Amino acid sequence: MNSVSTRAHGGGLRIGEMERDTLLAQGVSNTLRDRLIEQSDRYKCWVCKVCGLFATYDPETKIKECLVCETEGDEFIKQIELPYATKLVIQELIGINIVPRVLVDPDSGVVKITVR
């Protein structure tokens, strides 16, 4: 991949034919995950499976609880990974009374963010 210009001047990356084939073979979703989470600002946080909001975890007592719906324990609280920027946007939206929910599929562990 070759840079077209600097990021300050609105540049990006040029992708040639071989790079395109590599992305298709490896899967674009894996490449996006690598770029946006693994090599960027990965953040681990706790989420309530019942209400979909951020939960708290006390490492000293090892207690996980949701302060909104008052649930507690491993069966209701799950640790997820997401980009820190995503967590920050969710908190900013909550600050202006738009409450996105982080829904965790109990079987596969897939995370979806929705607004109800």
N, C-alpha and C. Protein backbone atom coordinates (compact mmCIF):
# COMPACT_ATOMS: atom_id res chain seq x y z
N MET A 1 0.84 -1.17 0.00
CA MET A 1 0.00 0.00 0.00
C MET A 1 0.89 1.23 0.00
N ASN A 2 0.52 2.18 -0.80
CA ASN A 2 1.29 3.40 -0.92
C ASN A 2 0.44 4.58 -0.46
N SER A 3 1.07 5.50 0.27
CA SER A 3 0.32 6.68 0.70
C SER A 3 0.23 7.66 -0.46
N VAL A 4 -0.95 8.24 -0.62
CA VAL A 4 -1.18 9.21 -1.68
C VAL A 4 -0.69 10.57 -1.23
N SER A 5 -0.97 10.94 0.00
CA SER A 5 -0.58 12.21 0.56
C SER A 5 -0.60 12.04 2.08
N THR A 6 -0.23 13.06 2.79
CA THR A 6 -0.27 12.95 4.24
C THR A 6 -1.71 13.03 4.74
N ARG A 7 -1.92 12.57 5.95
CA ARG A 7 -3.27 12.58 6.51
C ARG A 7 -3.77 14.01 6.69
N ALA A 8 -2.86 14.93 6.96
CA ALA A 8 -3.26 16.32 7.17
C ALA A 8 -3.83 16.95 5.91
N HIS A 9 -3.43 16.44 4.75
CA HIS A 9 -3.91 16.98 3.49
C HIS A 9 -5.02 16.13 2.88
N GLY A 10 -5.66 15.31 3.70
CA GLY A 10 -6.78 14.50 3.20
C GLY A 10 -6.36 13.28 2.41
N GLY A 11 -5.14 12.86 2.59
CA GLY A 11 -4.63 11.70 1.85
C GLY A 11 -5.15 10.40 2.42
N GLY A 12 -4.83 9.35 1.78
CA GLY A 12 -5.26 8.03 2.22
C GLY A 12 -4.28 6.99 1.74
N LEU A 13 -4.75 5.78 1.58
CA LEU A 13 -3.90 4.71 1.09
C LEU A 13 -4.39 4.24 -0.26
N ARG A 14 -3.44 4.05 -1.17
CA ARG A 14 -3.77 3.45 -2.45
C ARG A 14 -3.64 1.96 -2.31
N ILE A 15 -4.60 1.25 -2.79
CA ILE A 15 -4.55 -0.21 -2.72
C ILE A 15 -4.45 -0.74 -4.14
N GLY A 16 -3.37 -1.47 -4.38
CA GLY A 16 -3.16 -2.05 -5.70
C GLY A 16 -3.92 -3.35 -5.88
N GLU A 17 -3.71 -3.97 -7.02
CA GLU A 17 -4.43 -5.21 -7.34
C GLU A 17 -4.03 -6.35 -6.40
N MET A 18 -2.75 -6.46 -6.10
CA MET A 18 -2.31 -7.53 -5.20
C MET A 18 -2.83 -7.31 -3.78
N GLU A 19 -2.82 -6.05 -3.32
CA GLU A 19 -3.36 -5.75 -1.99
C GLU A 19 -4.86 -6.03 -1.93
N ARG A 20 -5.56 -5.71 -3.00
CA ARG A 20 -7.00 -5.99 -3.06
C ARG A 20 -7.26 -7.49 -2.95
N ASP A 21 -6.47 -8.28 -3.67
CA ASP A 21 -6.63 -9.73 -3.61
C ASP A 21 -6.34 -10.26 -2.21
N THR A 22 -5.34 -9.70 -1.55
CA THR A 22 -5.00 -10.12 -0.20
C THR A 22 -6.14 -9.80 0.77
N LEU A 23 -6.70 -8.59 0.63
CA LEU A 23 -7.83 -8.22 1.50
C LEU A 23 -9.02 -9.14 1.29
N LEU A 24 -9.29 -9.48 0.05
CA LEU A 24 -10.40 -10.38 -0.23
C LEU A 24 -10.14 -11.78 0.32
N ALA A 25 -8.90 -12.24 0.21
CA ALA A 25 -8.56 -13.58 0.70
C ALA A 25 -8.59 -13.64 2.24
N GLN A 26 -8.08 -12.61 2.90
CA GLN A 26 -8.02 -12.60 4.36
C GLN A 26 -9.34 -12.20 4.99
N GLY A 27 -10.16 -11.54 4.25
CA GLY A 27 -11.43 -11.06 4.79
C GLY A 27 -11.31 -9.62 5.23
N VAL A 28 -12.15 -8.78 4.67
CA VAL A 28 -12.11 -7.36 4.99
C VAL A 28 -12.49 -7.14 6.45
N SER A 29 -13.40 -7.96 6.99
CA SER A 29 -13.81 -7.77 8.39
C SER A 29 -12.64 -8.02 9.33
N ASN A 30 -11.79 -9.01 9.02
CA ASN A 30 -10.62 -9.25 9.86
C ASN A 30 -9.63 -8.09 9.77
N THR A 31 -9.48 -7.52 8.57
CA THR A 31 -8.58 -6.39 8.41
C THR A 31 -9.10 -5.17 9.16
N LEU A 32 -10.40 -4.93 9.09
CA LEU A 32 -10.98 -3.80 9.83
C LEU A 32 -10.82 -4.00 11.33
N ARG A 33 -11.07 -5.22 11.80
CA ARG A 33 -10.89 -5.49 13.24
C ARG A 33 -9.44 -5.25 13.65
N ASP A 34 -8.51 -5.69 12.81
CA ASP A 34 -7.10 -5.50 13.12
C ASP A 34 -6.74 -4.02 13.18
N ARG A 35 -7.19 -3.25 12.21
CA ARG A 35 -6.86 -1.83 12.14
C ARG A 35 -7.57 -1.01 13.22
N LEU A 36 -8.86 -1.30 13.46
CA LEU A 36 -9.65 -0.46 14.36
C LEU A 36 -9.57 -0.87 15.82
N ILE A 37 -9.23 -2.12 16.10
CA ILE A 37 -9.22 -2.56 17.50
C ILE A 37 -7.83 -3.02 17.91
N GLU A 38 -7.29 -4.02 17.22
CA GLU A 38 -6.03 -4.62 17.66
C GLU A 38 -4.86 -3.64 17.65
N GLN A 39 -4.74 -2.82 16.62
CA GLN A 39 -3.61 -1.91 16.50
C GLN A 39 -3.99 -0.47 16.80
N SER A 40 -5.12 -0.27 17.41
CA SER A 40 -5.57 1.08 17.68
C SER A 40 -5.82 1.27 19.17
N ASP A 41 -7.07 1.42 19.55
CA ASP A 41 -7.40 1.78 20.92
C ASP A 41 -8.37 0.77 21.54
N ARG A 42 -7.93 -0.48 21.61
CA ARG A 42 -8.76 -1.53 22.19
C ARG A 42 -9.08 -1.19 23.65
N TYR A 43 -10.33 -1.40 24.04
CA TYR A 43 -10.76 -1.10 25.40
C TYR A 43 -11.65 -2.22 25.89
N LYS A 44 -11.36 -2.73 27.07
CA LYS A 44 -12.18 -3.78 27.67
C LYS A 44 -13.10 -3.14 28.70
N CYS A 45 -14.37 -3.49 28.64
CA CYS A 45 -15.32 -2.95 29.60
C CYS A 45 -16.38 -4.02 29.91
N TRP A 46 -17.15 -3.77 30.94
CA TRP A 46 -18.19 -4.69 31.39
C TRP A 46 -19.54 -4.15 30.99
N VAL A 47 -20.41 -5.03 30.46
CA VAL A 47 -21.73 -4.65 29.98
C VAL A 47 -22.77 -5.55 30.61
N CYS A 48 -23.91 -4.96 30.96
CA CYS A 48 -25.02 -5.72 31.51
C CYS A 48 -25.79 -6.38 30.37
N LYS A 49 -26.04 -7.69 30.46
CA LYS A 49 -26.78 -8.40 29.42
C LYS A 49 -28.27 -8.08 29.48
N VAL A 50 -28.76 -7.61 30.63
CA VAL A 50 -30.18 -7.35 30.81
C VAL A 50 -30.57 -6.02 30.16
N CYS A 51 -29.88 -4.92 30.55
CA CYS A 51 -30.28 -3.60 30.05
C CYS A 51 -29.38 -3.08 28.94
N GLY A 52 -28.18 -3.64 28.76
CA GLY A 52 -27.30 -3.22 27.68
C GLY A 52 -26.46 -2.00 27.98
N LEU A 53 -26.40 -1.58 29.25
CA LEU A 53 -25.59 -0.42 29.62
C LEU A 53 -24.29 -0.88 30.29
N PHE A 54 -23.35 0.05 30.43
CA PHE A 54 -22.07 -0.28 31.04
C PHE A 54 -22.27 -0.65 32.51
N ALA A 55 -21.57 -1.67 32.94
CA ALA A 55 -21.64 -2.12 34.32
C ALA A 55 -20.32 -1.79 35.02
N THR A 56 -20.29 -2.01 36.32
CA THR A 56 -19.09 -1.74 37.09
C THR A 56 -18.48 -3.05 37.57
N TYR A 57 -17.16 -3.01 37.78
CA TYR A 57 -16.44 -4.17 38.29
C TYR A 57 -15.45 -3.69 39.33
N ASP A 58 -15.49 -4.29 40.50
CA ASP A 58 -14.55 -3.97 41.57
C ASP A 58 -13.51 -5.08 41.64
N PRO A 59 -12.26 -4.81 41.22
CA PRO A 59 -11.25 -5.87 41.20
C PRO A 59 -10.87 -6.39 42.60
N GLU A 60 -11.04 -5.59 43.62
CA GLU A 60 -10.69 -6.04 44.96
C GLU A 60 -11.65 -7.11 45.47
N THR A 61 -12.95 -6.85 45.30
CA THR A 61 -13.96 -7.81 45.78
C THR A 61 -14.45 -8.74 44.68
N LYS A 62 -14.03 -8.45 43.44
CA LYS A 62 -14.44 -9.22 42.26
C LYS A 62 -15.96 -9.24 42.07
N ILE A 63 -16.60 -8.14 42.40
CA ILE A 63 -18.05 -8.01 42.25
C ILE A 63 -18.34 -7.24 40.97
N LYS A 64 -19.20 -7.84 40.13
CA LYS A 64 -19.66 -7.20 38.90
C LYS A 64 -21.13 -6.86 39.09
N GLU A 65 -21.48 -5.59 38.84
CA GLU A 65 -22.89 -5.22 39.02
C GLU A 65 -23.28 -4.11 38.07
N CYS A 66 -24.57 -4.10 37.75
CA CYS A 66 -25.15 -3.04 36.96
C CYS A 66 -25.89 -2.11 37.91
N LEU A 67 -25.52 -0.85 37.90
CA LEU A 67 -26.14 0.10 38.81
C LEU A 67 -27.51 0.57 38.32
N VAL A 68 -27.83 0.32 37.05
CA VAL A 68 -29.10 0.76 36.50
C VAL A 68 -30.21 -0.24 36.82
N CYS A 69 -30.01 -1.50 36.45
CA CYS A 69 -31.06 -2.50 36.68
C CYS A 69 -30.77 -3.36 37.91
N GLU A 70 -29.69 -3.05 38.62
CA GLU A 70 -29.33 -3.68 39.89
C GLU A 70 -29.14 -5.19 39.80
N THR A 71 -28.59 -5.66 38.68
CA THR A 71 -28.25 -7.08 38.55
C THR A 71 -26.79 -7.25 38.94
N GLU A 72 -26.44 -8.47 39.32
CA GLU A 72 -25.10 -8.74 39.81
C GLU A 72 -24.71 -10.16 39.44
N GLY A 73 -23.44 -10.37 39.10
CA GLY A 73 -22.93 -11.71 38.87
C GLY A 73 -22.52 -11.97 37.44
N ASP A 74 -21.82 -13.11 37.26
CA ASP A 74 -21.28 -13.48 35.95
C ASP A 74 -22.35 -13.80 34.91
N GLU A 75 -23.51 -14.26 35.34
CA GLU A 75 -24.54 -14.62 34.36
C GLU A 75 -25.20 -13.39 33.74
N PHE A 76 -25.07 -12.23 34.37
CA PHE A 76 -25.71 -11.01 33.85
C PHE A 76 -24.71 -9.99 33.31
N ILE A 77 -23.46 -10.06 33.72
CA ILE A 77 -22.46 -9.07 33.33
C ILE A 77 -21.40 -9.77 32.48
N LYS A 78 -21.08 -9.17 31.32
CA LYS A 78 -20.10 -9.77 30.40
C LYS A 78 -19.05 -8.74 30.04
N GLN A 79 -17.80 -9.20 29.94
CA GLN A 79 -16.72 -8.32 29.50
C GLN A 79 -16.63 -8.35 27.98
N ILE A 80 -16.54 -7.18 27.37
CA ILE A 80 -16.44 -7.08 25.91
C ILE A 80 -15.24 -6.21 25.56
N GLU A 81 -14.83 -6.28 24.30
CA GLU A 81 -13.79 -5.42 23.75
C GLU A 81 -14.40 -4.56 22.66
N LEU A 82 -14.09 -3.28 22.68
CA LEU A 82 -14.52 -2.38 21.62
C LEU A 82 -13.52 -1.24 21.55
N PRO A 83 -13.50 -0.49 20.45
CA PRO A 83 -12.60 0.65 20.38
C PRO A 83 -12.95 1.69 21.44
N TYR A 84 -11.93 2.32 22.02
CA TYR A 84 -12.17 3.32 23.06
C TYR A 84 -13.01 4.47 22.50
N ALA A 85 -12.81 4.81 21.24
CA ALA A 85 -13.59 5.88 20.63
C ALA A 85 -15.08 5.54 20.62
N THR A 86 -15.41 4.27 20.41
CA THR A 86 -16.81 3.84 20.44
C THR A 86 -17.39 4.01 21.84
N LYS A 87 -16.62 3.60 22.86
CA LYS A 87 -17.08 3.78 24.24
C LYS A 87 -17.30 5.26 24.55
N LEU A 88 -16.39 6.09 24.07
CA LEU A 88 -16.49 7.52 24.30
C LEU A 88 -17.73 8.11 23.63
N VAL A 89 -18.01 7.70 22.40
CA VAL A 89 -19.20 8.18 21.69
C VAL A 89 -20.47 7.75 22.41
N ILE A 90 -20.50 6.50 22.90
CA ILE A 90 -21.67 6.02 23.64
C ILE A 90 -21.89 6.88 24.88
N GLN A 91 -20.83 7.19 25.61
CA GLN A 91 -20.96 8.02 26.80
C GLN A 91 -21.39 9.44 26.46
N GLU A 92 -20.89 9.99 25.36
CA GLU A 92 -21.32 11.32 24.94
C GLU A 92 -22.80 11.33 24.57
N LEU A 93 -23.26 10.28 23.88
CA LEU A 93 -24.68 10.19 23.52
C LEU A 93 -25.55 10.07 24.77
N ILE A 94 -25.10 9.29 25.75
CA ILE A 94 -25.85 9.17 27.00
C ILE A 94 -25.94 10.54 27.67
N GLY A 95 -24.90 11.34 27.55
CA GLY A 95 -24.89 12.68 28.14
C GLY A 95 -25.93 13.60 27.54
N ILE A 96 -26.34 13.38 26.30
CA ILE A 96 -27.38 14.20 25.68
C ILE A 96 -28.70 13.44 25.58
N ASN A 97 -28.86 12.44 26.45
CA ASN A 97 -30.10 11.67 26.61
C ASN A 97 -30.47 10.83 25.39
N ILE A 98 -29.48 10.37 24.66
CA ILE A 98 -29.68 9.34 23.64
C ILE A 98 -28.94 8.12 24.18
N VAL A 99 -29.69 7.06 24.49
CA VAL A 99 -29.10 5.94 25.24
C VAL A 99 -28.94 4.73 24.33
N PRO A 100 -27.75 4.56 23.73
CA PRO A 100 -27.50 3.35 22.95
C PRO A 100 -27.32 2.16 23.89
N ARG A 101 -27.79 1.01 23.45
CA ARG A 101 -27.66 -0.22 24.24
C ARG A 101 -26.64 -1.13 23.57
N VAL A 102 -25.79 -1.73 24.36
CA VAL A 102 -24.79 -2.69 23.88
C VAL A 102 -25.37 -4.07 24.14
N LEU A 103 -25.87 -4.71 23.10
CA LEU A 103 -26.50 -6.01 23.25
C LEU A 103 -25.50 -7.12 22.95
N VAL A 104 -25.42 -8.09 23.84
CA VAL A 104 -24.48 -9.20 23.69
C VAL A 104 -25.28 -10.47 23.47
N ASP A 105 -25.03 -11.15 22.34
CA ASP A 105 -25.69 -12.42 22.06
C ASP A 105 -25.15 -13.47 23.03
N PRO A 106 -26.03 -14.11 23.81
CA PRO A 106 -25.54 -15.06 24.82
C PRO A 106 -24.86 -16.29 24.24
N ASP A 107 -25.23 -16.69 23.04
CA ASP A 107 -24.65 -17.90 22.44
C ASP A 107 -23.30 -17.62 21.79
N SER A 108 -23.26 -16.64 20.90
CA SER A 108 -22.05 -16.38 20.12
C SER A 108 -21.15 -15.30 20.71
N GLY A 109 -21.71 -14.46 21.58
CA GLY A 109 -20.92 -13.36 22.14
C GLY A 109 -20.79 -12.18 21.22
N VAL A 110 -21.57 -12.14 20.13
CA VAL A 110 -21.53 -11.04 19.18
C VAL A 110 -22.13 -9.80 19.83
N VAL A 111 -21.46 -8.68 19.62
CA VAL A 111 -21.90 -7.42 20.22
C VAL A 111 -22.59 -6.56 19.16
N LYS A 112 -23.79 -6.05 19.51
CA LYS A 112 -24.51 -5.12 18.64
C LYS A 112 -24.83 -3.89 19.46
N ILE A 113 -24.74 -2.72 18.84
CA ILE A 113 -25.07 -1.47 19.51
C ILE A 113 -26.32 -0.92 18.85
N THR A 114 -27.39 -0.73 19.64
CA THR A 114 -28.65 -0.24 19.11
C THR A 114 -29.15 0.92 19.97
N VAL A 115 -30.07 1.69 19.40
CA VAL A 115 -30.75 2.74 20.14
C VAL A 115 -32.22 2.38 20.18
N ARG A 116 -32.76 2.25 21.37
CA ARG A 116 -34.18 1.89 21.51
C ARG A 116 -35.03 3.11 21.61
